[in-house]
């Protein structure tokens, strides 16, 4: 159970109200985890600016990272949200399950990225040199690797915030991974 309420538009600052309005217009609702950022005067705007900043990675590549890292961090909220987003970006449910496990049998380039993201999260920022070399061999650049680290950091922030607040998940639940 959460010890954090999910603030409504009337309970947040004027700046956060504007962001709530933008989220409502763009997404059709304000996700509970985003609303939770609004307990802070600045966190929601700062987070969204960081999360939506320019990157050399595609939206699909960012979803690969989001799913792999959220699985490592056991974040049910982010797994639910990013499974839905990834499906909207063209991944199948089976592919989202693979990405959560840190691989992509359906695409060798995304496989290297999923492995790197999963390993980086699991090893607390210290992936193997083989993982980095595999990314470069798959066609990623040093710029892409730096941007991948930023994406790993971004999803880790939301994973941690949910782990602390345990706000209700307002996306369809992600399917369970099969036990080996």
Protein backbone atom coordinates (compact mmCIF):
# COMPACT_ATOMS: atom_id res chain seq x y z
CA UNK A 1 0.00 0.00 0.00
CA UNK A 2 1.19 3.46 -0.87
CA UNK A 3 1.98 6.06 1.75
CA UNK A 4 1.82 8.65 -1.07
CA UNK A 5 -1.44 10.03 -2.35
CA UNK A 6 -1.80 10.73 -6.04
CA UNK A 7 -2.25 14.50 -6.18
CA UNK A 8 -5.06 15.89 -8.26
CA UNK A 9 -4.76 18.95 -10.45
CA UNK A 10 -6.19 21.19 -7.72
CA UNK A 11 -3.61 19.94 -5.20
CA UNK A 12 -0.51 20.84 -7.21
CA UNK A 13 1.30 24.09 -8.02
CA UNK A 14 0.28 26.28 -10.94
CA UNK A 15 3.31 25.09 -12.92
CA UNK A 16 2.41 21.47 -12.33
CA UNK A 17 -1.23 22.21 -13.23
CA UNK A 18 -0.02 23.40 -16.63
CA UNK A 19 1.95 20.17 -17.06
CA UNK A 20 -1.09 18.12 -15.97
CA UNK A 21 -3.13 19.92 -18.66
CA UNK A 22 -0.48 19.12 -21.29
CA UNK A 23 -0.37 15.46 -20.23
CA UNK A 24 -4.16 15.26 -20.29
CA UNK A 25 -4.21 16.73 -23.79
CA UNK A 26 -1.39 14.52 -25.12
CA UNK A 27 -2.06 11.23 -23.34
CA UNK A 28 -5.70 11.56 -22.41
CA UNK A 29 -4.85 11.28 -18.69
CA UNK A 30 -2.16 12.05 -16.14
CA UNK A 31 -0.39 8.79 -15.26
CA UNK A 32 -0.30 8.21 -11.52
CA UNK A 33 3.48 8.07 -11.40
CA UNK A 34 3.78 11.40 -13.22
CA UNK A 35 1.24 12.91 -10.83
CA UNK A 36 3.38 11.66 -7.95
CA UNK A 37 6.33 13.70 -9.24
CA UNK A 38 4.09 16.77 -8.67
CA UNK A 39 4.52 16.45 -4.89
CA UNK A 40 7.61 18.48 -5.75
CA UNK A 41 7.35 21.96 -7.23
CA UNK A 42 10.03 21.17 -9.84
CA UNK A 43 10.46 17.41 -10.20
CA UNK A 44 7.74 16.74 -12.79
CA UNK A 45 8.94 19.45 -15.18
CA UNK A 46 12.59 18.55 -14.64
CA UNK A 47 11.90 14.86 -15.19
CA UNK A 48 9.83 15.34 -18.33
CA UNK A 49 12.43 17.72 -19.77
CA UNK A 50 15.12 15.12 -19.17
CA UNK A 51 13.03 12.16 -20.34
CA UNK A 52 11.83 13.91 -23.50
CA UNK A 53 15.16 15.48 -24.43
CA UNK A 54 16.83 14.97 -27.80
CA UNK A 55 18.54 11.61 -28.25
CA UNK A 56 20.24 9.59 -30.96
CA UNK A 57 18.04 6.60 -30.05
CA UNK A 58 14.72 5.83 -31.69
CA UNK A 59 11.50 5.53 -29.70
CA UNK A 60 11.65 1.75 -30.16
CA UNK A 61 15.23 1.62 -28.87
CA UNK A 62 14.21 3.61 -25.81
CA UNK A 63 11.41 1.09 -25.15
CA UNK A 64 13.96 -1.74 -25.36
CA UNK A 65 15.90 -0.02 -22.58
CA UNK A 66 12.78 0.79 -20.55
CA UNK A 67 11.58 -2.81 -20.56
CA UNK A 68 14.97 -4.41 -19.86
CA UNK A 69 15.83 -2.04 -17.00
CA UNK A 70 12.34 -2.10 -15.45
CA UNK A 71 12.53 -5.89 -15.30
CA UNK A 72 15.93 -5.78 -13.58
CA UNK A 73 14.50 -3.25 -11.09
CA UNK A 74 11.24 -5.22 -10.65
CA UNK A 75 9.06 -2.17 -11.30
CA UNK A 76 5.52 -3.37 -11.98
CA UNK A 77 4.34 0.16 -12.80
CA UNK A 78 6.98 0.76 -15.47
CA UNK A 79 6.65 -2.77 -16.85
CA UNK A 80 2.92 -2.19 -17.32
CA UNK A 81 3.34 1.27 -18.83
CA UNK A 82 6.19 0.34 -21.15
CA UNK A 83 4.63 -2.93 -22.28
CA UNK A 84 1.64 -0.88 -23.46
CA UNK A 85 3.86 1.79 -25.03
CA UNK A 86 6.10 -0.82 -26.71
CA UNK A 87 3.08 -2.58 -28.21
CA UNK A 88 1.95 0.80 -29.55
CA UNK A 89 5.42 1.22 -31.06
CA UNK A 90 5.08 -2.07 -32.96
CA UNK A 91 6.48 -4.75 -30.64
CA UNK A 92 4.44 -7.91 -30.09
CA UNK A 93 3.70 -9.17 -26.59
CA UNK A 94 6.20 -12.01 -27.12
CA UNK A 95 8.86 -9.49 -28.11
CA UNK A 96 8.18 -7.38 -25.01
CA UNK A 97 8.69 -10.47 -22.87
CA UNK A 98 12.05 -11.15 -24.52
CA UNK A 99 13.14 -7.55 -24.07
CA UNK A 100 12.30 -7.76 -20.39
CA UNK A 101 14.58 -10.78 -20.16
CA UNK A 102 17.40 -8.77 -21.73
CA UNK A 103 17.49 -10.14 -25.27
CA UNK A 104 15.78 -9.84 -28.66
CA UNK A 105 15.95 -12.98 -30.80
CA UNK A 106 13.96 -11.15 -33.50
CA UNK A 107 16.54 -8.37 -34.12
CA UNK A 108 20.31 -8.66 -33.64
CA UNK A 109 20.86 -4.93 -33.18
CA UNK A 110 18.12 -4.63 -30.54
CA UNK A 111 19.47 -7.80 -28.94
CA UNK A 112 22.80 -6.08 -28.29
CA UNK A 113 20.96 -3.07 -26.84
CA UNK A 114 18.69 -5.15 -24.60
CA UNK A 115 21.65 -7.13 -23.31
CA UNK A 116 23.61 -3.94 -22.61
CA UNK A 117 20.70 -2.23 -20.84
CA UNK A 118 19.89 -5.26 -18.71
CA UNK A 119 23.51 -5.87 -17.81
CA UNK A 120 24.20 -2.21 -17.08
CA UNK A 121 21.23 -2.04 -14.68
CA UNK A 122 22.03 -5.37 -13.03
CA UNK A 123 25.72 -4.49 -12.63
CA UNK A 124 24.96 -0.95 -11.37
CA UNK A 125 26.57 0.84 -14.30
CA UNK A 126 29.40 -1.59 -14.92
CA UNK A 127 28.55 -3.69 -18.00
CA UNK A 128 31.12 -6.08 -19.38
CA UNK A 129 33.48 -4.95 -22.10
CA UNK A 130 31.92 -7.71 -24.25
CA UNK A 131 28.52 -6.04 -23.92
CA UNK A 132 29.94 -2.69 -25.01
CA UNK A 133 31.87 -4.28 -27.88
CA UNK A 134 28.70 -6.10 -29.01
CA UNK A 135 26.84 -2.77 -29.15
CA UNK A 136 29.55 -1.24 -31.33
CA UNK A 137 29.67 -4.35 -33.54
CA UNK A 138 25.88 -4.17 -33.96
CA UNK A 139 26.20 -0.68 -35.41
CA UNK A 140 25.70 1.55 -32.39
CA UNK A 141 28.03 4.50 -31.93
CA UNK A 142 29.64 5.97 -28.86
CA UNK A 143 26.97 8.68 -29.02
CA UNK A 144 24.29 5.98 -28.88
CA UNK A 145 25.99 4.39 -25.87
CA UNK A 146 26.03 7.70 -24.00
CA UNK A 147 22.36 8.27 -24.88
CA UNK A 148 21.56 4.71 -23.76
CA UNK A 149 23.11 5.47 -20.37
CA UNK A 150 20.86 8.55 -20.08
CA UNK A 151 17.84 6.41 -20.99
CA UNK A 152 18.84 3.84 -18.37
CA UNK A 153 19.07 6.64 -15.81
CA UNK A 154 15.67 8.04 -16.79
CA UNK A 155 13.82 4.76 -16.40
CA UNK A 156 15.70 4.01 -13.19
CA UNK A 157 14.33 7.24 -11.71
CA UNK A 158 10.73 6.14 -12.35
CA UNK A 159 11.49 2.60 -11.19
CA UNK A 160 12.83 3.95 -7.91
CA UNK A 161 10.02 6.47 -7.44
CA UNK A 162 7.44 3.72 -7.83
CA UNK A 163 9.41 1.44 -5.53
CA UNK A 164 9.25 4.12 -2.85
CA UNK A 165 5.71 5.40 -3.39
CA UNK A 166 3.95 2.22 -4.57
CA UNK A 167 1.23 4.29 -6.24
CA UNK A 168 -1.49 2.35 -8.05
CA UNK A 169 -0.64 1.10 -11.52
CA UNK A 170 -3.00 2.73 -14.02
CA UNK A 171 -1.96 0.73 -17.09
CA UNK A 172 -2.93 -2.85 -17.97
CA UNK A 173 -0.73 -5.24 -16.01
CA UNK A 174 2.27 -6.61 -17.85
CA UNK A 175 2.16 -10.37 -18.34
CA UNK A 176 4.23 -12.50 -16.01
CA UNK A 177 7.47 -13.92 -17.33
CA UNK A 178 7.55 -17.69 -17.68
CA UNK A 179 9.59 -19.36 -14.96
CA UNK A 180 12.51 -21.31 -16.41
